[in-house]
Every structure is written in structure tokens, then in C-alpha cells.
Protein backbone atom coordinates (compact mmCIF):
# COMPACT_ATOMS: atom_id res chain seq x y z
CA MET A 1 20.25 -4.64 7.16
CA GLU A 2 22.92 -5.67 9.64
CA THR A 3 23.38 -3.28 12.53
CA ILE A 4 26.93 -2.44 13.64
CA THR A 5 27.40 -2.51 17.37
CA ALA A 6 30.41 -2.03 19.58
CA GLY A 7 30.64 -5.72 20.43
CA SER A 8 30.06 -7.23 16.99
CA ASP A 9 32.95 -5.65 15.10
CA PRO A 10 35.41 -3.42 16.97
CA ALA A 11 37.05 -2.13 13.81
CA ALA A 12 33.73 -1.14 12.28
CA ALA A 13 32.60 0.33 15.57
CA ALA A 14 35.75 2.43 15.77
CA GLU A 15 35.19 3.64 12.22
CA PHE A 16 31.68 4.81 13.00
CA GLY A 17 32.61 6.36 16.33
CA LEU A 18 31.09 3.69 18.59
CA GLY A 19 32.50 1.58 21.35
CA GLY A 20 35.29 2.21 23.84
CA ASP A 21 38.84 3.46 23.53
CA ALA A 22 39.27 2.38 19.91
CA ALA A 23 36.48 4.73 18.89
CA THR A 24 37.65 7.68 20.95
CA PRO A 25 39.98 9.26 18.31
CA SER A 26 37.25 9.19 15.68
CA LEU A 27 34.73 10.77 18.04
CA VAL A 28 37.20 13.42 19.16
CA GLN A 29 38.06 14.29 15.56
CA ARG A 30 34.40 14.73 14.76
CA ILE A 31 33.90 17.03 17.73
CA HIS A 32 36.90 19.11 16.72
CA ARG A 33 35.63 19.35 13.15
CA ALA A 34 32.23 20.47 14.39
CA ARG A 35 33.83 23.14 16.58
CA TRP A 36 36.00 24.45 13.76
CA GLY A 37 32.99 24.49 11.46
CA ALA A 38 31.06 26.58 13.98
CA VAL A 39 34.00 28.97 14.31
CA ALA A 40 34.30 29.31 10.53
CA LEU A 41 30.56 29.98 10.24
CA LEU A 42 30.78 32.66 12.94
CA LEU A 43 33.76 34.33 11.24
CA THR A 44 31.93 34.28 7.92
CA ALA A 45 28.88 35.92 9.49
CA LEU A 46 31.03 38.61 11.13
CA THR A 47 32.85 39.28 7.84
CA ALA A 48 29.57 39.57 5.97
CA ALA A 49 28.23 41.98 8.58
CA ALA A 50 31.37 44.09 8.33
CA LEU A 51 31.18 44.20 4.54
CA ALA A 52 27.51 45.09 4.67
CA THR A 53 28.27 48.25 6.63
CA ALA A 54 31.31 49.20 4.53
CA GLY A 55 31.09 52.05 2.07
CA PRO A 56 31.97 50.13 -1.15
CA ALA A 57 29.29 47.53 -0.46
CA ARG A 58 26.44 49.99 0.02
CA PRO A 59 25.74 50.62 -3.70
CA ALA A 60 25.60 46.87 -4.35
CA LEU A 61 23.23 46.34 -1.43
CA ALA A 62 21.06 49.22 -2.62
CA ALA A 63 20.89 47.69 -6.10
CA ILE A 64 19.61 44.39 -4.65
CA GLY A 65 16.32 45.97 -3.69
CA HIS A 66 15.71 47.18 -7.25
CA MET A 67 16.39 43.91 -9.05
CA ARG A 68 13.61 42.04 -10.84
CA TRP A 69 13.44 38.99 -8.60
CA GLY A 70 10.87 37.33 -10.84
CA PHE A 71 13.80 36.04 -12.90
CA LEU A 72 15.31 34.21 -9.90
CA PRO A 73 13.28 30.95 -10.21
CA GLY A 74 14.32 30.70 -13.86
CA LEU A 75 17.95 31.22 -12.88
CA VAL A 76 17.75 28.44 -10.30
CA LEU A 77 16.11 26.01 -12.74
CA LEU A 78 18.68 26.77 -15.43
CA SER A 79 21.48 26.22 -12.94
CA LEU A 80 20.12 22.77 -12.09
CA LEU A 81 19.51 21.99 -15.77
CA HIS A 82 23.18 22.75 -16.43
CA TYR A 83 24.19 19.84 -14.18
CA VAL A 84 21.65 17.53 -15.82
CA CYS A 85 23.20 18.32 -19.22
CA SER A 86 26.64 17.62 -17.79
CA ALA A 87 25.41 14.24 -16.54
CA VAL A 88 24.00 13.38 -19.97
CA ALA A 89 27.32 14.32 -21.58
CA LEU A 90 29.20 12.04 -19.19
CA ARG A 91 26.83 9.18 -19.98
CA GLY A 92 27.48 9.63 -23.68
CA ALA A 93 31.24 9.73 -23.27
CA ALA A 94 31.23 6.66 -21.01
CA GLY A 95 28.99 4.69 -23.37
CA ARG A 96 27.01 3.23 -20.47
CA PRO A 97 23.44 3.83 -19.21
CA LEU A 98 24.48 5.51 -15.97
CA PRO A 99 21.67 6.44 -13.54
CA LEU A 100 20.75 10.04 -14.31
CA VAL A 101 20.04 11.16 -10.72
CA ARG A 102 23.29 9.86 -9.27
CA THR A 103 25.27 11.12 -12.26
CA THR A 104 23.74 14.56 -11.77
CA MET A 105 24.68 14.43 -8.10
CA THR A 106 28.21 13.57 -9.19
CA GLN A 107 28.31 16.67 -11.36
CA LEU A 108 27.29 18.78 -8.36
CA THR A 109 30.13 17.19 -6.40
CA ALA A 110 32.51 17.78 -9.28
CA SER A 111 31.55 21.45 -9.42
CA ALA A 112 32.27 21.81 -5.70
CA ALA A 113 35.69 20.19 -6.24
CA ASN A 114 36.38 22.63 -9.08
CA ARG A 115 36.05 25.57 -6.70
CA VAL A 116 39.42 24.71 -5.15
CA THR A 117 41.31 23.22 -8.11
CA PRO A 118 42.44 24.95 -11.33
CA GLY A 119 41.84 23.71 -14.84
CA GLY A 120 38.92 21.41 -14.03
CA LEU A 121 41.18 18.90 -12.26
CA GLY A 122 38.73 18.42 -9.41
CA ALA A 123 35.85 17.57 -11.73
CA ALA A 124 38.03 15.17 -13.73
CA ALA A 125 39.08 13.33 -10.56
CA VAL A 126 35.49 13.10 -9.25
CA ASN A 127 34.08 11.89 -12.58
CA THR A 128 36.86 9.33 -12.98
CA ARG A 129 36.25 7.97 -9.51
CA TYR A 130 32.50 7.79 -10.17
CA LEU A 131 32.96 5.84 -13.40
CA VAL A 132 35.29 3.41 -11.65
CA CYS A 133 32.66 2.89 -8.95
CA ARG A 134 30.12 2.20 -11.71
CA GLY A 135 32.25 -0.66 -13.04
CA LEU A 136 34.50 0.92 -15.67
CA PRO A 137 38.20 0.03 -15.52
CA LEU A 138 40.37 2.92 -14.41
CA PRO A 139 42.11 3.44 -17.80
CA ARG A 140 38.79 3.48 -19.65
CA ALA A 141 37.22 5.82 -17.07
CA ALA A 142 40.14 8.27 -17.36
CA VAL A 143 39.92 8.17 -21.16
CA ALA A 144 36.15 8.79 -21.05
CA VAL A 145 36.63 11.88 -18.86
CA ALA A 146 39.43 13.16 -21.12
CA VAL A 147 37.26 12.63 -24.19
CA LEU A 148 34.44 14.55 -22.50
CA GLN A 149 36.71 17.55 -21.94
CA VAL A 150 38.07 17.40 -25.50
CA ALA A 151 34.57 17.13 -26.99
CA GLY A 152 33.52 20.30 -25.18
CA VAL A 153 35.81 22.43 -27.37
CA PRO A 154 34.19 21.75 -30.78
CA ALA A 155 30.75 21.79 -29.15
CA ASP A 156 31.33 25.28 -27.76
CA LEU A 157 32.81 26.49 -31.06
CA LEU A 158 29.78 25.22 -32.97
CA LEU A 159 27.49 26.87 -30.44
CA MET A 160 29.36 30.18 -30.72
CA GLY A 161 29.13 30.08 -34.51
CA ALA A 162 25.41 29.35 -34.33
CA VAL A 163 24.78 32.19 -31.85
CA LEU A 164 26.81 34.71 -33.85
CA GLY A 165 25.12 33.65 -37.08
CA LEU A 166 21.67 33.86 -35.51
CA GLY A 167 22.44 37.31 -34.14
CA ALA A 168 23.63 38.50 -37.55
CA VAL A 169 20.40 37.25 -39.16
CA LEU A 170 17.98 38.56 -36.55
CA ALA A 171 19.70 41.87 -35.85
CA PRO A 172 22.19 42.86 -38.55
CA GLY A 173 24.54 45.54 -37.30
CA GLY A 174 23.33 44.98 -33.74
CA GLY A 175 24.95 43.90 -30.49
CA ASN A 176 27.05 41.09 -31.94
CA ASP A 177 28.76 43.44 -34.38
CA ARG A 178 29.39 46.01 -31.65
CA MET A 179 30.92 43.41 -29.38
CA LEU A 180 33.15 41.95 -32.10
CA ASP A 181 34.25 45.43 -33.15
CA ALA A 182 35.09 46.27 -29.54
CA LEU A 183 37.07 43.06 -29.14
CA GLY A 184 39.00 43.78 -32.31
CA HIS A 185 39.66 47.33 -31.16
CA HIS A 186 40.97 46.16 -27.79
CA ALA A 187 43.14 43.51 -29.44
CA SER A 188 44.68 46.06 -31.81
CA ARG A 189 45.34 48.46 -28.93
CA ALA A 190 47.01 45.68 -26.93
CA ALA A 191 49.16 44.79 -29.94
CA ASP A 192 50.22 48.45 -30.34
CA LEU A 193 51.31 48.59 -26.70
CA VAL A 194 53.75 45.66 -27.08
CA PRO A 195 57.23 46.69 -28.36
CA PRO A 196 58.18 44.70 -31.47
CA LEU A 197 61.73 43.73 -30.45
CA PRO A 198 60.83 42.04 -27.11
CA LEU A 199 57.92 40.37 -28.85
CA LEU A 200 60.23 38.90 -31.50
CA VAL A 201 62.72 37.77 -28.86
CA ALA A 202 59.97 36.15 -26.77
CA GLY A 203 58.55 34.50 -29.89
CA GLY A 204 61.97 33.16 -30.85
CA VAL A 205 62.39 31.59 -27.42
CA LEU A 206 58.86 30.46 -26.63
CA LEU A 207 57.87 29.14 -30.04
CA PRO A 208 60.60 26.44 -30.25
CA ALA A 209 59.91 25.48 -26.64
CA ALA A 210 56.20 25.19 -27.42
CA VAL A 211 56.96 23.02 -30.46
CA VAL A 212 59.17 20.69 -28.40
CA TRP A 213 56.62 20.49 -25.61
CA GLY A 214 53.82 19.90 -28.10
CA ARG A 215 55.67 17.00 -29.70
CA ARG A 216 56.27 15.39 -26.34
CA ALA A 217 52.64 15.89 -25.37
CA VAL A 218 51.39 14.36 -28.62
CA ARG A 219 53.66 11.35 -28.18
CA SER A 220 52.69 10.83 -24.55
CA THR A 221 50.63 7.89 -23.39
CA ALA A 222 47.83 10.15 -22.15
CA ALA A 223 47.50 11.81 -25.57
CA ARG A 224 47.46 8.48 -27.35
CA ASN A 225 44.82 7.12 -24.98
CA ALA A 226 42.69 10.25 -25.43
CA ALA A 227 42.98 10.00 -29.21
CA ALA A 228 42.02 6.31 -29.08
CA GLY A 229 39.06 7.12 -26.87
CA LEU A 230 37.93 9.90 -29.20
CA ALA A 231 38.21 7.53 -32.16
CA ASP A 232 36.14 4.97 -30.25
CA LEU A 233 33.51 7.63 -29.53
CA CYS A 234 33.40 8.54 -33.23
CA ARG A 235 32.61 4.89 -33.99
CA ARG A 236 29.52 5.29 -31.78
CA PRO A 237 27.54 7.98 -33.64
CA ARG A 238 24.69 8.05 -31.16
CA ASP A 239 26.95 8.54 -28.14
CA LEU A 240 28.98 11.11 -30.08
CA ALA A 241 25.85 13.12 -30.91
CA VAL A 242 24.65 12.91 -27.30
CA THR A 243 28.03 14.03 -25.96
CA LEU A 244 28.35 16.98 -28.32
CA ALA A 245 24.73 18.08 -27.89
CA ALA A 246 24.85 17.81 -24.10
CA SER A 247 28.24 19.58 -23.92
CA ALA A 248 26.86 22.44 -26.01
CA GLY A 249 23.71 22.35 -23.90
CA THR A 250 25.64 22.97 -20.68
CA THR A 251 27.17 26.12 -22.16
CA PHE A 252 23.92 27.24 -23.77
CA VAL A 253 21.97 26.87 -20.54
CA LEU A 254 24.52 28.99 -18.69
CA GLY A 255 24.35 31.55 -21.49
CA VAL A 256 20.57 31.78 -21.08
CA ALA A 257 21.03 32.14 -17.32
CA PHE A 258 23.51 34.95 -17.94
CA THR A 259 20.97 36.65 -20.21
CA LEU A 260 18.29 36.44 -17.51
CA SER A 261 20.75 37.86 -14.98
CA VAL A 262 21.34 40.89 -17.19
CA LEU A 263 17.61 41.35 -17.74
CA ALA A 264 17.05 41.15 -13.97
CA VAL A 265 19.14 44.30 -13.38
CA PRO A 266 17.10 47.41 -14.29
CA GLY A 267 20.13 49.61 -14.95
CA THR A 268 21.32 47.52 -17.90
CA ALA A 269 18.55 48.97 -20.11
CA VAL A 270 18.42 45.97 -22.44
CA GLY A 271 15.43 44.03 -23.73
CA PRO A 272 14.72 40.52 -24.98
CA ALA A 273 15.83 41.54 -28.49
CA MET A 274 19.40 41.68 -27.15
CA ALA A 275 19.32 37.99 -26.13
CA PRO A 276 21.57 36.73 -28.99
CA ALA A 277 24.10 39.46 -28.27
CA LEU A 278 24.07 38.62 -24.56
CA LEU A 279 24.55 34.94 -25.37
CA ALA A 280 27.52 35.83 -27.55
CA ALA A 281 28.88 38.07 -24.78
CA TYR A 282 28.72 35.17 -22.34
CA LEU A 283 30.44 32.75 -24.73
CA VAL A 284 33.28 35.19 -25.43
CA GLY A 285 33.63 36.26 -21.79
CA ALA A 286 33.54 32.71 -20.40
CA ALA A 287 36.14 31.55 -22.93
CA ALA A 288 38.42 34.47 -22.04
CA GLY A 289 37.95 33.91 -18.32
CA SER A 290 38.68 30.18 -18.49
CA ALA A 291 41.99 30.88 -20.22
CA VAL A 292 43.42 31.99 -16.85
CA PRO A 293 44.18 28.88 -14.72
CA THR A 294 42.52 29.98 -11.49
CA PRO A 295 40.24 27.72 -9.41
CA GLY A 296 36.87 27.89 -11.14
CA GLY A 297 37.98 30.94 -13.09
CA VAL A 298 37.28 33.12 -10.03
CA GLY A 299 38.13 36.73 -10.75
CA SER A 300 39.10 36.29 -14.39
CA THR A 301 35.64 35.15 -15.47
CA GLU A 302 33.90 38.01 -13.69
CA ALA A 303 36.25 40.58 -15.24
CA ALA A 304 35.85 39.08 -18.72
CA LEU A 305 32.05 39.02 -18.48
CA VAL A 306 31.91 42.63 -17.28
CA ALA A 307 34.19 43.64 -20.17
CA ALA A 308 31.94 41.77 -22.63
CA LEU A 309 28.88 43.63 -21.33
CA ALA A 310 30.77 46.92 -21.52
CA ALA A 311 31.45 46.16 -25.19
CA LEU A 312 27.68 46.08 -25.66
CA GLY A 313 27.37 49.57 -24.19
CA ILE A 314 26.19 48.56 -20.72
CA ALA A 315 27.45 50.72 -17.87
CA ALA A 316 30.06 49.24 -15.54
CA GLY A 317 27.88 49.34 -12.40
CA PRO A 318 24.85 47.45 -13.75
CA ALA A 319 27.14 45.09 -15.66
CA LEU A 320 28.95 44.20 -12.43
CA HIS A 321 25.65 43.66 -10.60
CA ALA A 322 24.42 41.33 -13.35
CA VAL A 323 27.64 39.31 -13.36
CA LEU A 324 27.65 38.99 -9.56
CA LEU A 325 24.02 37.82 -9.59
CA PHE A 326 24.81 35.28 -12.29
CA ARG A 327 27.88 33.91 -10.50
CA ALA A 328 26.13 33.83 -7.12
CA VAL A 329 23.25 31.68 -8.43
CA THR A 330 25.08 29.43 -10.91
CA PHE A 331 28.57 29.23 -9.38
CA TRP A 332 28.43 29.60 -5.59
CA ALA A 333 24.90 28.52 -4.65
CA PRO A 334 25.33 24.89 -5.90
CA VAL A 335 28.43 24.35 -3.69
CA PRO A 336 26.43 23.29 -0.57
CA LEU A 337 24.37 20.97 -2.77
CA GLY A 338 27.60 19.48 -4.10
CA LEU A 339 28.89 18.84 -0.58
CA LEU A 340 25.60 17.16 0.40
CA ALA A 341 25.67 15.11 -2.81
CA CYS A 342 29.23 14.02 -2.03
CA ARG A 343 28.17 12.85 1.41
CA THR A 344 25.26 10.89 -0.10
CA LEU A 345 27.36 9.30 -2.83
CA ARG A 346 30.06 8.20 -0.39
CA ARG A 347 27.42 6.28 1.56
């Protein structure tokens, strides 16, 4: 491997922070970034210490000592398996034998990008760039990523139907029925709170606008390319099956992790027999939380999952502890891994 020195290539030396005056700005920028990183780490530590001594945080800290930490290794493994399933789904949508390890690292990077962008835009940009680097033309890479996102909808719907059907067979009149009844009750109460006249006026204004916007979206180039890509995927039955199965697998793995998180909190008072109901609660809560276009669904997803657990009769305190444990392990903990994976992939 050729070694870059200050005398062999000044431009390359400046880029890597070597050499004389040409390299000085790069070196100074790195020093400043390191200083700001240290300051941010110190502020984070001080904030965490302040929150730890605050009154509202004391019940949560007390609950940590009573959790069943034997479930933690399973949560970590399921979190990693979720990214492997995402990598397999991307391979199926791209129609190419992408390296599994690097594709999984890309999914970790994509998840870190999603923490600051709404609607999955960060993941779409990262996956598109990765496919381009693997040799796909940019239009085909963008279509493959769009097809992957579209294929996730029927996969999740099929998974939800299977989970609800399994729960009805294994436990008729159990947790699934209670949760669906609670959702229907809340929906009817919300409908009763809305005055009919403003609703009709809003419908008369928004519905035509939605129709016009929908026609323009369907006729757009992006929609036509996505439809063509989906048709091409349907002509590849094996890749279609892999994409759908892996897309459903990503959601199913997170649902199992959510179930383990609830079982890890003693105050939830649920057993393994409630697993189908907890899976259904995760599917409904995650779908409701993702409907709000916030970066990564932060805030909306937690509230929706707590509400889904409350529909199963779980108290608000233990439900909140279970949701926070689940999001800490599967949502926030992989972010440093995603940043390290991004650094490795850029090399």
C-alpha cells in the first residue's frame, strides 16, 4: 500500500492533515471538533447527573434496580438481528448479492441518520448512496430503495393479520380483543368530540385538495419509476419473497424485543401467554407512532406504545418503564455503532 507523505502529494497530505501550511486548516478543524466533542460530552454528563438527582427521575431510577436484567442479552441480540433483516431486505430489493456484513453496517448508519431526519429520509439517502457505491446506477438505486419502503407496507399488514389471527386462535377473548376494543372505544370517543359542521367543512376543502395532490403524485416521474421498479421486483419471485419476508422480519424481531422489554419489568404482571397480544400492541403502537413525521418517531412512538400497553390493562408506570427500556436498547444504543460503521464505510 502506498504511503502518503507530505512531500509526495501536497493535496493528499493537506487532506489527511499532514505537511506544512496547506495542512494547517484541516488540523485546526480537527482540534476544534475534538474540543467541541469534549465540551458536549461534559455537558451531557452534567445534564444526566442533574436529572438523576431530580424528583421525577427517582422513580425511574428505583425501577431500574428491580428489572429482570436476564432479558437484556436477548434484547441486544434481537436489536442486531433487526439490522441483519434490514440488510437482507435491501439485497432482495436491489437484486444483487451485496456483502451481508457491509450491508448490515450500512443499515446501522442509516438508522443513525434517521435519528435526525423525519420520514426515513436519512435511511433512504444512505441506502441509495451505498447502492451507487456498489455499482448500481443512481436511478436504479433510488428505485430499489423506494421499492423497499413500499414493500414494507404489505409485509407489515400481513404480519399484523397473522399476529392477530394467531392471538385469536391461541387465546380467544384475550389481550388482542381487549386492545382492539379499547382502540375502537377511543376512536369513537374522538369522533364524538369533533363537531360535525367543522368536520364537513374541512372534508369539503381537504378532500378535493388531496385528490388533486394524489393525481399529481401518481403522474410524477418518481411514482412511475417506483411502480416500474415494483413491477420488476414482481417479475423476480425469489427476490420478492426475500424482500417481503425480510421486511416483515425486521418488524417481527422488534415486536419480540418489545415483548421481552415488557416481561423484563416486574410491575407489568404479564406472562409468556400474553406474547401475541404484546406483539399486536407493538404493531399497532409503532404504526400509530410512525404516522407523526418526527425524526425517528421520537415522542409519538413512545406515547403510542404506552397507550397500547394501557389498552391491555398494564399500569402507566410499568408500561412507561418497559417502553423506555425497549427504546433505549433498540433505538438509541445502536447510534454509536452506526457512527462507527459510517466511519468504516467511508474509508
